[in-house]
Amino acid sequence: MPVLANIYYTQYQGSSSSRPPVILIHGAGSNHLCWPAEIRRLRDATVYAIDLPGHGKSAGTAHHLVSSYSSAIIDFIARLGHNRAILVGHSLGAAIALQLALDHPQHIAGLVCISAAASFQIDPTVINLFRLHQTQKKAQELLGRFFVPQHGKTNWYPNLIKSLPTVRNSLWYADLRAAEQFDLRGQLSGITIPTLVLSGEEDPLVPHSNATHLFRQLPNARFKGFPQHGHLLMLEDPTGVAHEIQGFFGEIVG
């Protein structure tokens, strides 16, 4: 089982080992399996899809702070033997990527932020439901309704809902607490790394307006909105998202 710095990962080896690798960072309550093959196998890129600490097959416990997750990923990049990496993050994973770019810009070659914002508005009721073990089923049902617009629920959606009970209550609680406390408003001008922001225009968890605000506050960013798409953008349109990431990767590495 491939593990570095206590982080489990899968690897797709691209044709050029001299280019910065791409690291895929999943969102709250998830793991490396959230990334479809179209994104895990970018052309000419070496791609690592990781499980954050306490998630999936990674050891340890989930963290209550985004900065703790970012420290773990910096250690992972160092253990890979690379000085710089391109980070692709979804939701909480995008928050971790932004924090890394702010704290360790010398190690980040580019950012792709999917369903992202400078801060998250998490309903305290949802967090408290996950804190109370006896209401786990109710909390998961509530969260399941939030993921995508009603008309966007396709063949992958039933499998997503089935997977929710397999995620530990404490993990959901830790991740949602980390998201709740994350706030880079007022600091985004300090992130000058090339950034691509991707947003579903009907995202019920991270409003499209929050993603556009993030884009406008970043000095070196470009933006792509996906009409009639929701929060799990990479699952709803894997081909479209992969196309945008591939083009961005090509611009950075040449």
C-alpha atoms as a PDB file:
ATOM      1  CA  MET A   1       0.000   0.000   0.000  1.00  0.00           C
ATOM      2  CA  PRO A   2       1.702   3.251  -1.120  1.00  0.00           C
ATOM      3  CA  VAL A   3       2.086   5.585   1.871  1.00  0.00           C
ATOM      4  CA  LEU A   4       4.332   8.622   2.350  1.00  0.00           C
ATOM      5  CA  ALA A   5       4.369  10.854   5.441  1.00  0.00           C
ATOM      6  CA  ASN A   6       1.396   8.801   6.725  1.00  0.00           C
ATOM      7  CA  ILE A   7      -0.623   9.755   3.626  1.00  0.00           C
ATOM      8  CA  TYR A   8      -2.026   7.058   1.346  1.00  0.00           C
ATOM      9  CA  TYR A   9      -1.951   7.865  -2.359  1.00  0.00           C
ATOM     10  CA  THR A  10      -2.467   6.504  -5.840  1.00  0.00           C
ATOM     11  CA  GLN A  11      -0.116   7.548  -8.630  1.00  0.00           C
ATOM     12  CA  TYR A  12      -0.471   8.003 -12.364  1.00  0.00           C
ATOM     13  CA  GLN A  13       2.979   8.354 -13.919  1.00  0.00           C
ATOM     14  CA  GLY A  14       3.102  10.887 -16.736  1.00  0.00           C
ATOM     15  CA  SER A  15       5.609  11.069 -19.554  1.00  0.00           C
ATOM     16  CA  SER A  16       7.774  13.765 -17.943  1.00  0.00           C
ATOM     17  CA  SER A  17       9.143  13.380 -14.422  1.00  0.00           C
ATOM     18  CA  SER A  18      10.829  16.800 -14.585  1.00  0.00           C
ATOM     19  CA  ARG A  19       7.519  18.693 -14.399  1.00  0.00           C
ATOM     20  CA  PRO A  20       5.860  19.532 -11.080  1.00  0.00           C
ATOM     21  CA  PRO A  21       3.471  16.748 -10.066  1.00  0.00           C
ATOM     22  CA  VAL A  22      -0.258  17.308  -9.687  1.00  0.00           C
ATOM     23  CA  ILE A  23      -1.707  16.517  -6.251  1.00  0.00           C
ATOM     24  CA  LEU A  24      -5.471  15.954  -5.968  1.00  0.00           C
ATOM     25  CA  ILE A  25      -6.933  16.949  -2.581  1.00  0.00           C
ATOM     26  CA  HIS A  26     -10.459  15.713  -1.821  1.00  0.00           C
ATOM     27  CA  GLY A  27     -13.105  17.514   0.193  1.00  0.00           C
ATOM     28  CA  ALA A  28     -14.808  16.913   3.541  1.00  0.00           C
ATOM     29  CA  GLY A  29     -15.722  13.345   4.443  1.00  0.00           C
ATOM     30  CA  SER A  30     -14.242  12.020   1.221  1.00  0.00           C
ATOM     31  CA  ASN A  31     -11.119  10.240  -0.069  1.00  0.00           C
ATOM     32  CA  HIS A  32      -9.043   9.765  -3.228  1.00  0.00           C
ATOM     33  CA  LEU A  33     -11.848   7.834  -4.945  1.00  0.00           C
ATOM     34  CA  CYS A  34     -13.826  11.045  -5.506  1.00  0.00           C
ATOM     35  CA  TRP A  35     -11.567  11.824  -8.482  1.00  0.00           C
ATOM     36  CA  PRO A  36     -12.699  10.225 -11.764  1.00  0.00           C
ATOM     37  CA  ALA A  37     -10.193   8.653 -14.145  1.00  0.00           C
ATOM     38  CA  GLU A  38     -10.329  11.618 -16.526  1.00  0.00           C
ATOM     39  CA  ILE A  39      -8.722  13.789 -13.835  1.00  0.00           C
ATOM     40  CA  ARG A  40      -6.426  11.169 -12.305  1.00  0.00           C
ATOM     41  CA  ARG A  41      -4.876  10.526 -15.731  1.00  0.00           C
ATOM     42  CA  LEU A  42      -4.042  13.964 -17.065  1.00  0.00           C
ATOM     43  CA  ARG A  43      -1.914  13.891 -20.188  1.00  0.00           C
ATOM     44  CA  ASP A  44       1.843  14.402 -19.624  1.00  0.00           C
ATOM     45  CA  ALA A  45       1.345  14.839 -15.871  1.00  0.00           C
ATOM     46  CA  THR A  46       2.332  12.740 -12.884  1.00  0.00           C
ATOM     47  CA  VAL A  47      -0.774  12.782 -10.693  1.00  0.00           C
ATOM     48  CA  TYR A  48      -1.104  11.803  -7.036  1.00  0.00           C
ATOM     49  CA  ALA A  49      -4.600  11.368  -5.575  1.00  0.00           C
ATOM     50  CA  ILE A  50      -4.239  11.404  -1.796  1.00  0.00           C
ATOM     51  CA  ASP A  51      -6.272  10.524   1.273  1.00  0.00           C
ATOM     52  CA  LEU A  52      -6.021  13.275   3.882  1.00  0.00           C
ATOM     53  CA  PRO A  53      -4.969  12.170   7.399  1.00  0.00           C
ATOM     54  CA  GLY A  54      -7.725  10.112   9.004  1.00  0.00           C
ATOM     55  CA  HIS A  55      -9.530   9.648   5.674  1.00  0.00           C
ATOM     56  CA  GLY A  56      -9.771   6.617   3.425  1.00  0.00           C
ATOM     57  CA  LYS A  57      -6.645   4.493   3.834  1.00  0.00           C
ATOM     58  CA  SER A  58      -4.515   7.151   5.546  1.00  0.00           C
ATOM     59  CA  ALA A  59      -3.576   6.701   9.186  1.00  0.00           C
ATOM     60  CA  GLY A  60      -4.151   9.231  11.941  1.00  0.00           C
ATOM     61  CA  THR A  61      -7.190  11.311  12.747  1.00  0.00           C
ATOM     62  CA  ALA A  62      -9.038  14.039  10.887  1.00  0.00           C
ATOM     63  CA  HIS A  63      -7.963  17.581  11.769  1.00  0.00           C
ATOM     64  CA  HIS A  64     -10.092  20.467  13.005  1.00  0.00           C
ATOM     65  CA  LEU A  65      -7.935  23.091  11.260  1.00  0.00           C
ATOM     66  CA  VAL A  66      -7.170  23.608   7.578  1.00  0.00           C
ATOM     67  CA  SER A  67      -3.619  24.645   8.508  1.00  0.00           C
ATOM     68  CA  SER A  68      -2.990  21.208  10.050  1.00  0.00           C
ATOM     69  CA  TYR A  69      -3.970  19.498   6.808  1.00  0.00           C
ATOM     70  CA  SER A  70      -1.752  21.862   4.795  1.00  0.00           C
ATOM     71  CA  SER A  71       1.247  21.003   6.985  1.00  0.00           C
ATOM     72  CA  ALA A  72       0.690  17.303   6.284  1.00  0.00           C
ATOM     73  CA  ILE A  73       0.663  17.916   2.527  1.00  0.00           C
ATOM     74  CA  ILE A  74       3.874  19.966   2.632  1.00  0.00           C
ATOM     75  CA  ASP A  75       5.521  16.975   4.325  1.00  0.00           C
ATOM     76  CA  PHE A  76       4.104  14.711   1.621  1.00  0.00           C
ATOM     77  CA  ILE A  77       5.516  16.894  -1.188  1.00  0.00           C
ATOM     78  CA  ALA A  78       8.934  16.876   0.485  1.00  0.00           C
ATOM     79  CA  ARG A  79       8.893  13.088   0.855  1.00  0.00           C
ATOM     80  CA  LEU A  80       8.072  12.769  -2.844  1.00  0.00           C
ATOM     81  CA  GLY A  81      11.382  14.482  -3.547  1.00  0.00           C
ATOM     82  CA  HIS A  82       9.772  17.425  -5.328  1.00  0.00           C
ATOM     83  CA  ASN A  83      10.296  21.070  -4.517  1.00  0.00           C
ATOM     84  CA  ARG A  84       7.047  22.276  -6.102  1.00  0.00           C
ATOM     85  CA  ALA A  85       3.644  20.848  -6.998  1.00  0.00           C
ATOM     86  CA  ILE A  86       0.395  21.852  -8.678  1.00  0.00           C
ATOM     87  CA  LEU A  87      -2.532  21.447  -6.286  1.00  0.00           C
ATOM     88  CA  VAL A  88      -6.067  20.562  -7.365  1.00  0.00           C
ATOM     89  CA  GLY A  89      -8.523  20.821  -4.486  1.00  0.00           C
ATOM     90  CA  HIS A  90     -12.262  20.328  -4.140  1.00  0.00           C
ATOM     91  CA  SER A  91     -14.190  22.347  -1.534  1.00  0.00           C
ATOM     92  CA  LEU A  92     -12.316  21.779   1.757  1.00  0.00           C
ATOM     93  CA  GLY A  93      -9.447  20.469  -0.370  1.00  0.00           C
ATOM     94  CA  ALA A  94      -9.407  23.794  -2.227  1.00  0.00           C
ATOM     95  CA  ALA A  95      -9.269  25.619   1.105  1.00  0.00           C
ATOM     96  CA  ILE A  96      -6.242  23.514   2.039  1.00  0.00           C
ATOM     97  CA  ALA A  97      -4.620  24.340  -1.314  1.00  0.00           C
ATOM     98  CA  LEU A  98      -5.225  28.073  -0.826  1.00  0.00           C
ATOM     99  CA  GLN A  99      -3.763  27.926   2.687  1.00  0.00           C
ATOM    100  CA  LEU A 100      -0.693  26.156   1.321  1.00  0.00           C
ATOM    101  CA  ALA A 101      -0.258  28.782  -1.390  1.00  0.00           C
ATOM    102  CA  LEU A 102      -0.412  31.522   1.225  1.00  0.00           C
ATOM    103  CA  ASP A 103       1.947  29.861   3.720  1.00  0.00           C
ATOM    104  CA  HIS A 104       4.367  28.051   1.363  1.00  0.00           C
ATOM    105  CA  PRO A 105       4.269  29.816  -2.032  1.00  0.00           C
ATOM    106  CA  GLN A 106       7.762  28.622  -2.935  1.00  0.00           C
ATOM    107  CA  HIS A 107       6.484  25.026  -3.044  1.00  0.00           C
ATOM    108  CA  ILE A 108       3.317  25.605  -5.107  1.00  0.00           C
ATOM    109  CA  ALA A 109       3.493  25.974  -8.899  1.00  0.00           C
ATOM    110  CA  GLY A 110      -0.238  26.378  -9.504  1.00  0.00           C
ATOM    111  CA  LEU A 111      -3.698  25.974  -7.974  1.00  0.00           C
ATOM    112  CA  VAL A 112      -6.987  24.603  -9.234  1.00  0.00           C
ATOM    113  CA  CYS A 113      -9.843  25.409  -6.853  1.00  0.00           C
ATOM    114  CA  ILE A 114     -13.104  23.526  -7.472  1.00  0.00           C
ATOM    115  CA  SER A 115     -16.286  24.547  -5.597  1.00  0.00           C
ATOM    116  CA  ALA A 116     -14.164  26.891  -3.509  1.00  0.00           C
ATOM    117  CA  ALA A 117     -14.529  30.066  -1.466  1.00  0.00           C
ATOM    118  CA  ALA A 118     -12.446  32.362   0.733  1.00  0.00           C
ATOM    119  CA  SER A 119     -14.618  31.267   3.665  1.00  0.00           C
ATOM    120  CA  PHE A 120     -17.467  28.813   4.159  1.00  0.00           C
ATOM    121  CA  GLN A 121     -20.850  29.457   5.722  1.00  0.00           C
ATOM    122  CA  ILE A 122     -21.528  26.155   7.474  1.00  0.00           C
ATOM    123  CA  ASP A 123     -24.900  25.757   9.151  1.00  0.00           C
ATOM    124  CA  PRO A 124     -24.110  25.118  12.864  1.00  0.00           C
ATOM    125  CA  THR A 125     -27.113  22.783  12.976  1.00  0.00           C
ATOM    126  CA  VAL A 126     -25.420  20.423  10.518  1.00  0.00           C
ATOM    127  CA  ILE A 127     -22.156  20.432  12.496  1.00  0.00           C
ATOM    128  CA  ASN A 128     -23.965  19.734  15.763  1.00  0.00           C
ATOM    129  CA  LEU A 129     -25.904  16.869  14.195  1.00  0.00           C
ATOM    130  CA  PHE A 130     -22.646  15.144  13.295  1.00  0.00           C
ATOM    131  CA  ARG A 131     -21.346  15.784  16.805  1.00  0.00           C
ATOM    132  CA  LEU A 132     -24.319  13.886  18.239  1.00  0.00           C
ATOM    133  CA  HIS A 133     -23.863  10.233  17.304  1.00  0.00           C
ATOM    134  CA  GLN A 134     -27.507   9.296  17.736  1.00  0.00           C
ATOM    135  CA  THR A 135     -28.497  11.664  14.905  1.00  0.00           C
ATOM    136  CA  GLN A 136     -25.907  10.484  12.381  1.00  0.00           C
ATOM    137  CA  LYS A 137     -28.497   9.133   9.932  1.00  0.00           C
ATOM    138  CA  LYS A 138     -30.475  12.372   9.987  1.00  0.00           C
ATOM    139  CA  ALA A 139     -27.315  14.428   9.419  1.00  0.00           C
ATOM    140  CA  GLN A 140     -26.241  12.277   6.490  1.00  0.00           C
ATOM    141  CA  GLU A 141     -29.662  12.493   4.868  1.00  0.00           C
ATOM    142  CA  LEU A 142     -29.563  16.275   5.239  1.00  0.00           C
ATOM    143  CA  LEU A 143     -26.076  16.525   3.770  1.00  0.00           C
ATOM    144  CA  GLY A 144     -27.006  14.231   0.894  1.00  0.00           C
ATOM    145  CA  ARG A 145     -29.717  16.652  -0.214  1.00  0.00           C
ATOM    146  CA  PHE A 146     -27.188  19.478  -0.355  1.00  0.00           C
ATOM    147  CA  PHE A 147     -24.660  17.973  -2.738  1.00  0.00           C
ATOM    148  CA  VAL A 148     -26.153  18.694  -6.172  1.00  0.00           C
ATOM    149  CA  PRO A 149     -29.176  20.376  -7.763  1.00  0.00           C
ATOM    150  CA  GLN A 150     -32.148  18.034  -8.020  1.00  0.00           C
ATOM    151  CA  HIS A 151     -31.945  17.769 -11.808  1.00  0.00           C
ATOM    152  CA  GLY A 152     -28.213  17.029 -11.650  1.00  0.00           C
ATOM    153  CA  LYS A 153     -28.509  13.745  -9.774  1.00  0.00           C
ATOM    154  CA  THR A 154     -27.229  11.197 -12.255  1.00  0.00           C
ATOM    155  CA  ASN A 155     -26.112   7.582 -12.081  1.00  0.00           C
ATOM    156  CA  TRP A 156     -23.316   8.253  -9.563  1.00  0.00           C
ATOM    157  CA  TYR A 157     -25.609   9.912  -7.005  1.00  0.00           C
ATOM    158  CA  PRO A 158     -27.140   6.755  -5.438  1.00  0.00           C
ATOM    159  CA  ASN A 159     -23.646   5.365  -4.816  1.00  0.00           C
ATOM    160  CA  LEU A 160     -22.663   8.621  -3.120  1.00  0.00           C
ATOM    161  CA  ILE A 161     -25.601   8.455  -0.727  1.00  0.00           C
ATOM    162  CA  LYS A 162     -24.886   4.785   0.017  1.00  0.00           C
ATOM    163  CA  SER A 163     -21.318   5.684   0.955  1.00  0.00           C
ATOM    164  CA  LEU A 164     -22.282   8.337   3.512  1.00  0.00           C
ATOM    165  CA  PRO A 165     -22.963   5.898   6.399  1.00  0.00           C
ATOM    166  CA  THR A 166     -19.454   4.426   5.943  1.00  0.00           C
ATOM    167  CA  VAL A 167     -17.840   7.757   6.876  1.00  0.00           C
ATOM    168  CA  ARG A 168     -17.145   8.048  10.593  1.00  0.00           C
ATOM    169  CA  ASN A 169     -19.188  10.600  12.496  1.00  0.00           C
ATOM    170  CA  SER A 170     -16.064  12.124  14.053  1.00  0.00           C
ATOM    171  CA  LEU A 171     -14.489  12.590  10.622  1.00  0.00           C
ATOM    172  CA  TRP A 172     -17.456  14.565   9.293  1.00  0.00           C
ATOM    173  CA  TYR A 173     -17.469  16.672  12.438  1.00  0.00           C
ATOM    174  CA  ALA A 174     -13.736  17.452  12.231  1.00  0.00           C
ATOM    175  CA  ASP A 175     -13.869  18.366   8.548  1.00  0.00           C
ATOM    176  CA  LEU A 176     -16.911  20.597   8.909  1.00  0.00           C
ATOM    177  CA  ARG A 177     -15.295  22.322  11.893  1.00  0.00           C
ATOM    178  CA  ALA A 178     -12.150  22.906   9.804  1.00  0.00           C
ATOM    179  CA  ALA A 179     -14.265  24.389   7.017  1.00  0.00           C
ATOM    180  CA  GLU A 180     -16.230  26.537   9.460  1.00  0.00           C
ATOM    181  CA  GLN A 181     -13.044  28.093  10.883  1.00  0.00           C
ATOM    182  CA  PHE A 182     -11.362  28.651   7.506  1.00  0.00           C
ATOM    183  CA  ASP A 183     -11.320  32.316   6.461  1.00  0.00           C
ATOM    184  CA  LEU A 184      -8.842  33.893   4.049  1.00  0.00           C
ATOM    185  CA  ARG A 185     -10.904  36.997   3.325  1.00  0.00           C
ATOM    186  CA  GLY A 186      -8.520  39.939   3.397  1.00  0.00           C
ATOM    187  CA  GLN A 187      -5.518  37.714   2.633  1.00  0.00           C
ATOM    188  CA  LEU A 188      -6.232  36.610  -0.934  1.00  0.00           C
ATOM    189  CA  SER A 189      -4.161  39.398  -2.491  1.00  0.00           C
ATOM    190  CA  GLY A 190      -1.124  37.635  -1.028  1.00  0.00           C
ATOM    191  CA  ILE A 191      -1.716  34.574  -3.240  1.00  0.00           C
ATOM    192  CA  THR A 192      -0.012  35.428  -6.536  1.00  0.00           C
ATOM    193  CA  ILE A 193       0.388  31.865  -7.803  1.00  0.00           C
ATOM    194  CA  PRO A 194      -1.447  31.061 -11.079  1.00  0.00           C
ATOM    195  CA  THR A 195      -4.920  29.853 -10.094  1.00  0.00           C
ATOM    196  CA  LEU A 196      -7.889  28.338 -11.912  1.00  0.00           C
ATOM    197  CA  VAL A 197     -11.270  28.625 -10.163  1.00  0.00           C
ATOM    198  CA  LEU A 198     -14.032  26.231 -11.306  1.00  0.00           C
ATOM    199  CA  SER A 199     -17.600  26.581 -10.035  1.00  0.00           C
ATOM    200  CA  GLY A 200     -20.966  24.924 -10.548  1.00  0.00           C
ATOM    201  CA  GLU A 201     -23.453  27.734 -11.068  1.00  0.00           C
ATOM    202  CA  GLU A 202     -26.119  25.917  -9.023  1.00  0.00           C
ATOM    203  CA  ASP A 203     -23.869  24.791  -6.179  1.00  0.00           C
ATOM    204  CA  PRO A 204     -26.107  24.626  -3.067  1.00  0.00           C
ATOM    205  CA  LEU A 205     -23.175  24.388  -0.616  1.00  0.00           C
ATOM    206  CA  VAL A 206     -20.724  26.989  -1.951  1.00  0.00           C
ATOM    207  CA  PRO A 207     -22.757  29.617  -3.807  1.00  0.00           C
ATOM    208  CA  HIS A 208     -21.514  30.588  -7.258  1.00  0.00           C
ATOM    209  CA  SER A 209     -21.225  34.196  -6.053  1.00  0.00           C
ATOM    210  CA  ASN A 210     -18.690  33.098  -3.410  1.00  0.00           C
ATOM    211  CA  ALA A 211     -16.556  31.430  -6.068  1.00  0.00           C
ATOM    212  CA  THR A 212     -16.652  34.499  -8.303  1.00  0.00           C
ATOM    213  CA  HIS A 213     -15.657  36.661  -5.322  1.00  0.00           C
ATOM    214  CA  LEU A 214     -12.696  34.362  -4.700  1.00  0.00           C
ATOM    215  CA  PHE A 215     -11.654  34.692  -8.336  1.00  0.00           C
ATOM    216  CA  ARG A 216     -11.878  38.497  -8.297  1.00  0.00           C
ATOM    217  CA  GLN A 217      -9.748  38.781  -5.155  1.00  0.00           C
ATOM    218  CA  LEU A 218      -6.914  36.598  -6.469  1.00  0.00           C
ATOM    219  CA  PRO A 219      -4.352  38.638  -8.454  1.00  0.00           C
ATOM    220  CA  ASN A 220      -3.410  35.874 -10.908  1.00  0.00           C
ATOM    221  CA  ALA A 221      -6.565  33.829 -11.470  1.00  0.00           C
ATOM    222  CA  ARG A 222      -8.918  32.770 -14.234  1.00  0.00           C
ATOM    223  CA  PHE A 223     -12.465  31.504 -13.866  1.00  0.00           C
ATOM    224  CA  LYS A 224     -14.799  28.976 -15.467  1.00  0.00           C
ATOM    225  CA  GLY A 225     -18.430  28.523 -14.487  1.00  0.00           C
ATOM    226  CA  PHE A 226     -20.459  25.398 -15.291  1.00  0.00           C
ATOM    227  CA  PRO A 227     -24.183  26.128 -15.835  1.00  0.00           C
ATOM    228  CA  GLN A 228     -26.676  23.652 -14.309  1.00  0.00           C
ATOM    229  CA  HIS A 229     -23.954  22.000 -12.211  1.00  0.00           C
ATOM    230  CA  GLY A 230     -23.584  21.738  -8.457  1.00  0.00           C
ATOM    231  CA  HIS A 231     -21.020  21.107  -5.749  1.00  0.00           C
ATOM    232  CA  LEU A 232     -19.516  17.813  -6.946  1.00  0.00           C
ATOM    233  CA  LEU A 233     -18.402  19.327 -10.214  1.00  0.00           C
ATOM    234  CA  MET A 234     -15.693  16.769 -11.000  1.00  0.00           C
ATOM    235  CA  LEU A 235     -18.278  13.956 -10.795  1.00  0.00           C
ATOM    236  CA  GLU A 236     -21.001  15.816 -12.659  1.00  0.00           C
ATOM    237  CA  ASP A 237     -18.760  16.753 -15.597  1.00  0.00           C
ATOM    238  CA  PRO A 238     -15.432  14.876 -15.366  1.00  0.00           C
ATOM    239  CA  THR A 239     -14.575  15.459 -19.026  1.00  0.00           C
ATOM    240  CA  GLY A 240     -15.194  19.196 -18.855  1.00  0.00           C
ATOM    241  CA  VAL A 241     -13.272  19.624 -15.602  1.00  0.00           C
ATOM    242  CA  ALA A 242     -10.362  17.520 -16.871  1.00  0.00           C
ATOM    243  CA  HIS A 243     -10.239  19.636 -20.038  1.00  0.00           C
ATOM    244  CA  GLU A 244      -9.933  22.846 -18.022  1.00  0.00           C
ATOM    245  CA  ILE A 245      -7.260  21.388 -15.731  1.00  0.00           C
ATOM    246  CA  GLN A 246      -5.316  19.988 -18.681  1.00  0.00           C
ATOM    247  CA  GLY A 247      -5.234  23.378 -20.396  1.00  0.00           C
ATOM    248  CA  PHE A 248      -4.170  25.098 -17.184  1.00  0.00           C
ATOM    249  CA  PHE A 249      -1.437  22.500 -16.598  1.00  0.00           C
ATOM    250  CA  GLY A 250      -0.111  23.098 -20.110  1.00  0.00           C
ATOM    251  CA  GLU A 251       0.073  26.850 -19.526  1.00  0.00           C
ATOM    252  CA  ILE A 252       2.084  26.417 -16.337  1.00  0.00           C
ATOM    253  CA  VAL A 253       4.594  23.788 -17.432  1.00  0.00           C
ATOM    254  CA  GLY A 254       4.809  24.803 -21.103  1.00  0.00           C
END
